[in-house]
C-alpha cells in the first residue's frame, strides 16, 4: 500500500510453491484491475484519529475490499514522512485485523493515489463516511474481557505491530514527562515496549534514552505481544494496550495513547467502562 509493491496476501504454502517453480499466479493485487478501489472512505473527523481505531472501522466496513481513503492528508500532509509511514502501518494492521484488507490507497499520499487520484475508484464503488461519532461508537462497543474480579491494570503491552525507532522515542519522552509532572520515578503498571531486534539495538545505542526507560521500570522485548497470551503467560493478567490489533485477539483493553500514558503513571483507569 505505502510502497506500491505488488503482492497478494498469500498463505505460507502458496509462497513456498511459488518459490519452488519461480512463478506466482497473476491474480488479485498483482493486476491493474485488482488494485482498483471498491470503496471511497471519507474521513471527516475533527482531528487525526487513532490509526488503529480508524483502521478497525475501515476493516469492519469494507471487509476484503480496496478502500480509497480521503481526508487524512489534512492532518498528515502529503509527504511520506517517518511519522506518516508509522501511522499508515498501524492503520493497515488494524484494517487487516478487523477485515481482510490487503491494499488501501490514501489520497495525495500513497504512490498510486498520487499518480491516478480518484480514477482508481471503480464506477460503482461504495462510500463510507467516518466522523468523530462513528469512531466513538466503535470505541464504546468494545467489551471488557479481563479475568473475573480484575479491575486495575497489571501490565501494559505497547507495540503490536512492532514499534519503530521514532515511536520508541515518542513513548520514552511521554513516559518521562508524565512521571516528572507527578513527581514519580517509576510507572505504576508493569510496561513492555515491543520492537524488532535491529530497532532495539539502535535504540539501546542511545544510552541516555535507554536509561530513562529502564529507570521508569519499562522493559523492551523483540517478541510478539500476542504470543504472550497464546502461550498462557498473560492469559490471566489485566492488560492494557494502545493496540487495537492486540485487543481484537486477546483480553487486553484498548486505550488511545495519551489516555494510556495517564493510566501507566497513575495505575488507575478513570473511565469505569473501559474499552
Protein backbone atom coordinates (compact mmCIF):
# COMPACT_ATOMS: atom_id res chain seq x y z
CA UNK A 1 0.00 0.00 0.00
CA UNK A 2 2.63 2.53 1.08
CA UNK A 3 5.46 1.48 -1.25
CA UNK A 4 3.39 0.45 -4.26
CA UNK A 5 4.95 -3.04 -4.21
CA UNK A 6 2.69 -5.64 -5.77
CA UNK A 7 1.90 -8.79 -3.83
CA UNK A 8 -1.08 -10.78 -2.65
CA UNK A 9 -1.64 -11.87 0.93
CA UNK A 10 -0.64 -15.48 0.28
CA UNK A 11 -0.68 -18.39 2.67
CA UNK A 12 2.70 -19.89 3.53
CA UNK A 13 2.17 -22.93 1.30
CA UNK A 14 1.36 -20.77 -1.73
CA UNK A 15 4.55 -18.76 -1.19
CA UNK A 16 6.54 -22.00 -0.83
CA UNK A 17 5.15 -23.37 -4.10
CA UNK A 18 5.81 -20.05 -5.86
CA UNK A 19 9.43 -20.18 -4.72
CA UNK A 20 9.82 -23.76 -6.00
CA UNK A 21 8.55 -23.03 -9.52
CA UNK A 22 9.73 -19.42 -9.73
CA UNK A 23 6.24 -18.21 -10.68
CA UNK A 24 3.17 -16.89 -8.92
CA UNK A 25 -0.46 -16.65 -10.13
CA UNK A 26 -1.15 -13.36 -11.91
CA UNK A 27 -4.33 -12.53 -10.00
CA UNK A 28 -5.70 -10.16 -7.38
CA UNK A 29 -3.45 -7.35 -6.23
CA UNK A 30 -0.83 -8.16 -8.87
CA UNK A 31 -3.19 -6.89 -11.59
CA UNK A 32 -4.27 -3.36 -12.51
CA UNK A 33 -7.95 -4.24 -12.13
CA UNK A 34 -7.40 -5.97 -8.79
CA UNK A 35 -5.78 -2.84 -7.36
CA UNK A 36 -8.68 -0.54 -8.19
CA UNK A 37 -10.61 0.81 -5.20
CA UNK A 38 -14.04 -0.59 -4.44
CA UNK A 39 -14.75 1.79 -1.54
CA UNK A 40 -14.46 5.55 -1.11
CA UNK A 41 -13.75 6.19 2.60
CA UNK A 42 -14.24 9.81 3.63
CA UNK A 43 -12.50 10.76 6.91
CA UNK A 44 -14.42 13.73 8.34
CA UNK A 45 -13.05 13.74 11.89
CA UNK A 46 -12.12 16.99 13.65
CA UNK A 47 -8.60 15.73 14.44
CA UNK A 48 -6.26 12.97 13.32
CA UNK A 49 -7.91 9.74 14.53
CA UNK A 50 -6.01 6.98 16.32
CA UNK A 51 -4.61 4.92 13.41
CA UNK A 52 -5.70 1.54 14.73
CA UNK A 53 -9.17 2.78 15.63
CA UNK A 54 -9.56 4.21 12.13
CA UNK A 55 -8.19 1.01 10.61
CA UNK A 56 -10.64 -1.10 12.59
CA UNK A 57 -13.58 0.98 11.36
CA UNK A 58 -12.40 0.65 7.75
CA UNK A 59 -11.73 -3.10 8.02
CA UNK A 60 -15.13 -3.85 9.58
CA UNK A 61 -16.90 -1.98 6.79
CA UNK A 62 -15.00 -2.84 3.59
CA UNK A 63 -14.00 -6.41 4.61
CA UNK A 64 -11.89 -7.73 1.68
CA UNK A 65 -12.44 -4.60 -0.44
CA UNK A 66 -9.88 -1.99 -1.52
CA UNK A 67 -10.53 1.39 0.15
CA UNK A 68 -9.57 4.78 -1.31
CA UNK A 69 -9.22 6.99 1.78
CA UNK A 70 -9.68 10.76 1.55
CA UNK A 71 -9.28 13.37 4.29
CA UNK A 72 -6.15 12.09 6.03
CA UNK A 73 -3.87 14.47 4.16
CA UNK A 74 -5.49 17.31 6.15
CA UNK A 75 -3.59 16.03 9.16
CA UNK A 76 -0.65 14.09 7.72
CA UNK A 77 0.26 16.37 4.83
CA UNK A 78 1.35 14.92 1.50
CA UNK A 79 4.94 13.93 2.28
CA UNK A 80 5.66 10.28 3.08
CA UNK A 81 7.47 11.16 6.31
CA UNK A 82 8.57 8.74 9.02
CA UNK A 83 5.57 9.75 11.11
CA UNK A 84 3.20 9.13 8.21
CA UNK A 85 4.72 5.72 7.49
CA UNK A 86 4.26 4.74 11.15
CA UNK A 87 0.65 5.95 11.06
CA UNK A 88 -0.17 4.02 7.88
CA UNK A 89 1.48 0.85 9.20
CA UNK A 90 -0.66 0.92 12.34
CA UNK A 91 -3.79 1.75 10.36
CA UNK A 92 -3.11 -1.04 7.85
CA UNK A 93 -2.54 -3.58 10.61
CA UNK A 94 -5.99 -2.86 12.00
CA UNK A 95 -7.58 -2.86 8.51
CA UNK A 96 -6.30 -6.40 8.01
CA UNK A 97 -7.23 -7.48 11.55
CA UNK A 98 -10.86 -6.35 11.50
CA UNK A 99 -11.40 -7.15 7.81
CA UNK A 100 -9.30 -8.76 5.11
CA UNK A 101 -7.85 -5.61 3.55
CA UNK A 102 -4.70 -6.41 1.56
CA UNK A 103 -4.38 -2.99 -0.09
CA UNK A 104 -5.51 0.57 0.57
CA UNK A 105 -4.95 3.89 -1.19
CA UNK A 106 -4.68 7.25 0.60
CA UNK A 107 -5.37 10.39 -1.42
CA UNK A 108 -2.26 12.53 -2.07
CA UNK A 109 -0.03 10.18 -0.04
CA UNK A 110 0.33 6.61 -1.34
CA UNK A 111 2.01 6.21 -4.78
CA UNK A 112 -0.92 5.05 -6.91
CA UNK A 113 -3.28 7.56 -5.30
CA UNK A 114 -0.82 10.35 -6.12
CA UNK A 115 -0.46 9.16 -9.72
CA UNK A 116 -4.07 8.28 -10.52
CA UNK A 117 -6.22 10.01 -7.91
CA UNK A 118 -9.91 9.10 -7.86
CA UNK A 119 -9.52 7.34 -11.23
CA UNK A 120 -8.56 4.35 -9.05
CA UNK A 121 -12.19 4.05 -7.95
CA UNK A 122 -14.39 1.62 -9.85
CA UNK A 123 -17.56 3.23 -11.28
CA UNK A 124 -19.98 1.53 -8.88
CA UNK A 125 -17.88 1.96 -5.71
CA UNK A 126 -19.49 2.18 -2.28
CA UNK A 127 -18.99 5.12 0.11
CA UNK A 128 -18.32 5.10 3.84
CA UNK A 129 -18.11 8.29 5.92
CA UNK A 130 -16.13 8.22 9.17
CA UNK A 131 -16.63 11.05 11.65
CA UNK A 132 -15.96 11.51 15.36
CA UNK A 133 -19.29 9.94 16.32
CA UNK A 134 -18.60 6.83 14.22
CA UNK A 135 -15.24 6.22 15.90
CA UNK A 136 -16.58 6.95 19.38
CA UNK A 137 -19.37 4.45 18.83
CA UNK A 138 -16.85 1.80 17.78
CA UNK A 139 -14.68 2.53 20.81
CA UNK A 140 -17.64 2.29 23.18
CA UNK A 141 -18.69 -1.07 21.69
CA UNK A 142 -15.60 -2.92 22.91
CA UNK A 143 -16.43 -5.28 25.79
CA UNK A 144 -14.31 -5.68 28.91
CA UNK A 145 -12.82 -9.20 28.75
CA UNK A 146 -10.48 -9.14 31.73
CA UNK A 147 -10.42 -12.18 34.01
CA UNK A 148 -13.16 -12.07 36.65
CA UNK A 149 -12.53 -9.74 39.55
CA UNK A 150 -9.74 -7.75 37.87
CA UNK A 151 -10.44 -4.01 37.88
CA UNK A 152 -6.95 -2.45 37.87
CA UNK A 153 -4.33 -2.80 35.15
CA UNK A 154 -1.45 -5.12 35.98
CA UNK A 155 0.50 -4.99 32.72
CA UNK A 156 0.76 -2.87 29.60
CA UNK A 157 1.92 -4.07 26.19
CA UNK A 158 2.80 -1.46 23.55
CA UNK A 159 3.98 -2.39 20.04
CA UNK A 160 1.59 -4.54 18.03
CA UNK A 161 2.65 -4.15 15.25
CA UNK A 162 6.22 -3.60 16.43
CA UNK A 163 7.25 -0.04 17.27
CA UNK A 164 9.53 1.96 15.00
CA UNK A 165 12.56 3.81 16.34
CA UNK A 166 10.60 7.06 16.22
CA UNK A 167 7.77 5.52 18.22
CA UNK A 168 10.20 4.21 20.84
CA UNK A 169 11.46 7.75 21.37
CA UNK A 170 7.89 9.08 21.45
CA UNK A 171 6.95 6.73 24.29
CA UNK A 172 10.21 7.44 26.10
CA UNK A 173 9.52 11.17 26.09
CA UNK A 174 5.85 10.85 27.05
CA UNK A 175 6.56 8.48 29.92
CA UNK A 176 9.46 10.58 31.23
CA UNK A 177 7.45 13.82 31.09
CA UNK A 178 4.38 12.27 32.73
CA UNK A 179 6.44 10.87 35.61
CA UNK A 180 8.16 14.21 36.15
CA UNK A 181 4.82 16.00 36.21
CA UNK A 182 3.58 13.72 39.00
CA UNK A 183 6.86 13.63 40.87
CA UNK A 184 7.24 9.87 40.36
CA UNK A 185 10.29 7.85 39.42
CA UNK A 186 8.59 4.69 38.10
CA UNK A 187 5.38 3.69 36.36
CA UNK A 188 2.58 2.17 38.40
CA UNK A 189 1.91 -0.50 35.76
CA UNK A 190 4.42 -3.08 34.52
CA UNK A 191 5.08 -1.97 30.94
CA UNK A 192 6.75 -3.66 27.95
CA UNK A 193 7.57 -1.98 24.63
CA UNK A 194 7.90 -4.35 21.65
CA UNK A 195 10.13 -3.66 18.64
CA UNK A 196 12.22 -5.56 16.11
CA UNK A 197 15.72 -6.62 17.26
CA UNK A 198 17.50 -4.22 14.87
CA UNK A 199 15.36 -1.32 16.09
CA UNK A 200 16.01 -2.17 19.74
CA UNK A 201 19.73 -2.36 19.02
CA UNK A 202 19.72 1.16 17.57
CA UNK A 203 17.67 2.48 20.47
CA UNK A 204 19.86 0.89 23.14
CA UNK A 205 22.91 2.51 21.50
CA UNK A 206 21.44 5.78 22.78
CA UNK A 207 22.39 5.01 26.38
CA UNK A 208 20.74 8.12 27.79
CA UNK A 209 17.32 7.37 26.29
CA UNK A 210 17.59 3.68 27.17
CA UNK A 211 18.46 4.51 30.77
CA UNK A 212 15.44 6.81 31.06
CA UNK A 213 13.16 3.93 30.13
CA UNK A 214 14.93 1.50 32.44
CA UNK A 215 14.70 3.91 35.37
CA UNK A 216 10.95 4.22 34.72
CA UNK A 217 10.66 0.43 35.02
CA UNK A 218 9.92 -0.17 31.32
CA UNK A 219 11.10 -3.38 29.66
CA UNK A 220 11.97 -3.86 25.98
CA UNK A 221 11.25 -7.03 24.00
CA UNK A 222 11.65 -8.27 20.41
CA UNK A 223 8.82 -10.78 20.93
CA UNK A 224 5.25 -10.61 19.61
CA UNK A 225 2.81 -9.40 22.26
CA UNK A 226 0.10 -11.76 21.01
CA UNK A 227 2.22 -14.83 21.74
CA UNK A 228 2.32 -13.93 25.44
CA UNK A 229 -1.40 -14.62 25.52
CA UNK A 230 -1.27 -17.65 23.25
CA UNK A 231 1.43 -19.21 25.41
CA UNK A 232 -0.55 -18.54 28.59
CA UNK A 233 1.97 -16.08 30.04
CA UNK A 234 -0.58 -13.24 30.24
CA UNK A 235 -3.85 -15.12 29.90
CA UNK A 236 -4.89 -14.31 33.48
CA UNK A 237 -3.45 -10.77 33.63
CA UNK A 238 -5.32 -7.48 33.39
CA UNK A 239 -3.52 -5.99 30.38
CA UNK A 240 -3.96 -2.56 28.83
CA UNK A 241 -2.66 -1.58 25.39
CA UNK A 242 -2.77 1.06 22.66
CA UNK A 243 -3.01 -1.72 20.05
CA UNK A 244 -6.46 -2.29 18.62
CA UNK A 245 -4.99 -5.33 16.88
CA UNK A 246 -3.89 -6.88 20.18
CA UNK A 247 -7.31 -6.08 21.68
CA UNK A 248 -9.01 -7.99 18.85
CA UNK A 249 -7.07 -11.21 19.51
CA UNK A 250 -6.75 -11.17 23.30
CA UNK A 251 -8.40 -9.97 26.52
CA UNK A 252 -6.34 -6.74 26.57
CA UNK A 253 -8.25 -3.47 26.94
CA UNK A 254 -7.61 -0.74 24.39
CA UNK A 255 -6.93 2.91 25.23
CA UNK A 256 -5.67 5.74 22.99
CA UNK A 257 -2.05 6.77 23.54
CA UNK A 258 -2.48 9.84 25.75
CA UNK A 259 -5.05 8.11 27.98
CA UNK A 260 -2.75 5.13 28.28
CA UNK A 261 0.13 7.31 29.49
CA UNK A 262 -2.06 8.60 32.33
CA UNK A 263 -3.08 5.04 33.25
CA UNK A 264 0.55 3.86 33.33
CA UNK A 265 1.58 6.66 35.65
CA UNK A 266 -1.43 6.58 37.98
CA UNK A 267 -2.22 2.87 37.89
CA UNK A 268 -5.88 3.80 37.68
CA UNK A 269 -8.49 3.76 34.92
CA UNK A 270 -10.64 6.88 35.23
CA UNK A 271 -13.30 5.61 32.82
CA UNK A 272 -15.17 2.88 34.71
CA UNK A 273 -16.31 1.21 31.47
CA UNK A 274 -13.02 0.98 29.63
CA UNK A 275 -12.63 -0.42 26.15
